[in-house]
Amino acid sequence: MSSLLAQSHYGETCVICEQLKPVGIHLYTSFICTECEKDLIHAKTSDPRYKFFLKQLRKITTPEILS
């Protein structure tokens, strides 16, 4: 229960930078902080960070639909 309180008080762990951040977006079951979202949107495919972003984004999995 205390980890749930800490998560709501301090933020969530970004799937890209792997740091605890207070604001961002949710993509399926993962969290992307605002800073990484901006960097990702503006990254060119020739930018060395682009490959890093792709590697980190591969961690995001589509949730299964259970019926």
C-alpha atoms as a PDB file:
ATOM      1  CA  MET A   1       0.000   0.000   0.000  1.00  0.00           C
ATOM      2  CA  SER A   2       2.833   2.428   0.759  1.00  0.00           C
ATOM      3  CA  SER A   3       4.267   1.979  -2.773  1.00  0.00           C
ATOM      4  CA  LEU A   4       0.875   2.922  -4.198  1.00  0.00           C
ATOM      5  CA  LEU A   5       0.856   6.074  -2.065  1.00  0.00           C
ATOM      6  CA  ALA A   6       4.387   6.934  -3.142  1.00  0.00           C
ATOM      7  CA  GLN A   7       3.462   6.433  -6.783  1.00  0.00           C
ATOM      8  CA  SER A   8       0.483   8.784  -6.556  1.00  0.00           C
ATOM      9  CA  HIS A   9       2.467  11.374  -4.577  1.00  0.00           C
ATOM     10  CA  TYR A  10       5.731  11.421  -6.535  1.00  0.00           C
ATOM     11  CA  GLY A  11       4.657  10.248  -9.975  1.00  0.00           C
ATOM     12  CA  GLU A  12       5.324   7.238 -12.115  1.00  0.00           C
ATOM     13  CA  THR A  13       8.381   5.697 -13.702  1.00  0.00           C
ATOM     14  CA  CYS A  14       8.859   6.732 -17.331  1.00  0.00           C
ATOM     15  CA  VAL A  15       9.400   3.809 -19.684  1.00  0.00           C
ATOM     16  CA  ILE A  16      11.981   5.823 -21.666  1.00  0.00           C
ATOM     17  CA  CYS A  17      14.168   7.664 -19.125  1.00  0.00           C
ATOM     18  CA  GLU A  18      13.284   5.232 -16.298  1.00  0.00           C
ATOM     19  CA  GLN A  19      12.976   8.097 -13.789  1.00  0.00           C
ATOM     20  CA  LEU A  20      10.116   8.975 -11.478  1.00  0.00           C
ATOM     21  CA  LYS A  21       8.178  11.856 -13.036  1.00  0.00           C
ATOM     22  CA  PRO A  22       4.979  13.596 -11.901  1.00  0.00           C
ATOM     23  CA  VAL A  23       3.374  14.308 -15.307  1.00  0.00           C
ATOM     24  CA  GLY A  24       3.147  12.534 -18.615  1.00  0.00           C
ATOM     25  CA  ILE A  25       0.962  10.324 -20.750  1.00  0.00           C
ATOM     26  CA  HIS A  26      -0.101   6.696 -20.580  1.00  0.00           C
ATOM     27  CA  LEU A  27       0.378   4.456 -23.579  1.00  0.00           C
ATOM     28  CA  TYR A  28      -1.423   1.204 -22.904  1.00  0.00           C
ATOM     29  CA  THR A  29      -0.079   0.202 -19.509  1.00  0.00           C
ATOM     30  CA  SER A  30       3.135   2.278 -19.692  1.00  0.00           C
ATOM     31  CA  PHE A  31       3.923   5.863 -18.707  1.00  0.00           C
ATOM     32  CA  ILE A  32       5.943   8.383 -20.770  1.00  0.00           C
ATOM     33  CA  CYS A  33       6.954  11.623 -19.058  1.00  0.00           C
ATOM     34  CA  THR A  34       6.330  14.975 -20.723  1.00  0.00           C
ATOM     35  CA  GLU A  35      10.037  15.642 -21.320  1.00  0.00           C
ATOM     36  CA  CYS A  36      10.591  12.324 -23.106  1.00  0.00           C
ATOM     37  CA  GLU A  37       7.387  12.775 -25.082  1.00  0.00           C
ATOM     38  CA  LYS A  38       8.636  16.144 -26.398  1.00  0.00           C
ATOM     39  CA  ASP A  39      12.093  14.732 -27.184  1.00  0.00           C
ATOM     40  CA  LEU A  40      10.536  11.769 -28.960  1.00  0.00           C
ATOM     41  CA  ILE A  41       8.241  13.927 -31.094  1.00  0.00           C
ATOM     42  CA  HIS A  42      11.065  16.223 -32.203  1.00  0.00           C
ATOM     43  CA  ALA A  43      13.725  13.525 -32.758  1.00  0.00           C
ATOM     44  CA  LYS A  44      14.887  13.038 -36.324  1.00  0.00           C
ATOM     45  CA  THR A  45      15.558   9.510 -37.574  1.00  0.00           C
ATOM     46  CA  SER A  46      19.211  10.485 -38.035  1.00  0.00           C
ATOM     47  CA  ASP A  47      19.493  11.502 -34.353  1.00  0.00           C
ATOM     48  CA  PRO A  48      21.429   8.941 -32.242  1.00  0.00           C
ATOM     49  CA  ARG A  49      18.735   9.204 -29.546  1.00  0.00           C
ATOM     50  CA  TYR A  50      16.149   7.917 -32.027  1.00  0.00           C
ATOM     51  CA  LYS A  51      17.456   4.331 -31.764  1.00  0.00           C
ATOM     52  CA  PHE A  52      17.436   4.617 -27.968  1.00  0.00           C
ATOM     53  CA  PHE A  53      13.808   5.767 -28.043  1.00  0.00           C
ATOM     54  CA  LEU A  54      12.877   2.802 -30.236  1.00  0.00           C
ATOM     55  CA  LYS A  55      14.656   0.393 -27.900  1.00  0.00           C
ATOM     56  CA  GLN A  56      12.829   1.795 -24.873  1.00  0.00           C
ATOM     57  CA  LEU A  57       9.450   1.875 -26.638  1.00  0.00           C
ATOM     58  CA  ARG A  58       9.759  -1.845 -27.417  1.00  0.00           C
ATOM     59  CA  LYS A  59       9.173  -2.423 -23.702  1.00  0.00           C
ATOM     60  CA  ILE A  60       5.574  -1.307 -24.165  1.00  0.00           C
ATOM     61  CA  THR A  61       3.274  -4.243 -24.754  1.00  0.00           C
ATOM     62  CA  THR A  62      -0.329  -4.251 -25.833  1.00  0.00           C
ATOM     63  CA  PRO A  63      -2.555  -5.396 -22.987  1.00  0.00           C
ATOM     64  CA  GLU A  64      -4.478  -8.567 -23.633  1.00  0.00           C
ATOM     65  CA  ILE A  65      -8.233  -8.298 -23.891  1.00  0.00           C
ATOM     66  CA  LEU A  66      -9.747 -10.867 -21.612  1.00  0.00           C
ATOM     67  CA  SER A  67     -13.343 -11.728 -22.372  1.00  0.00           C
END
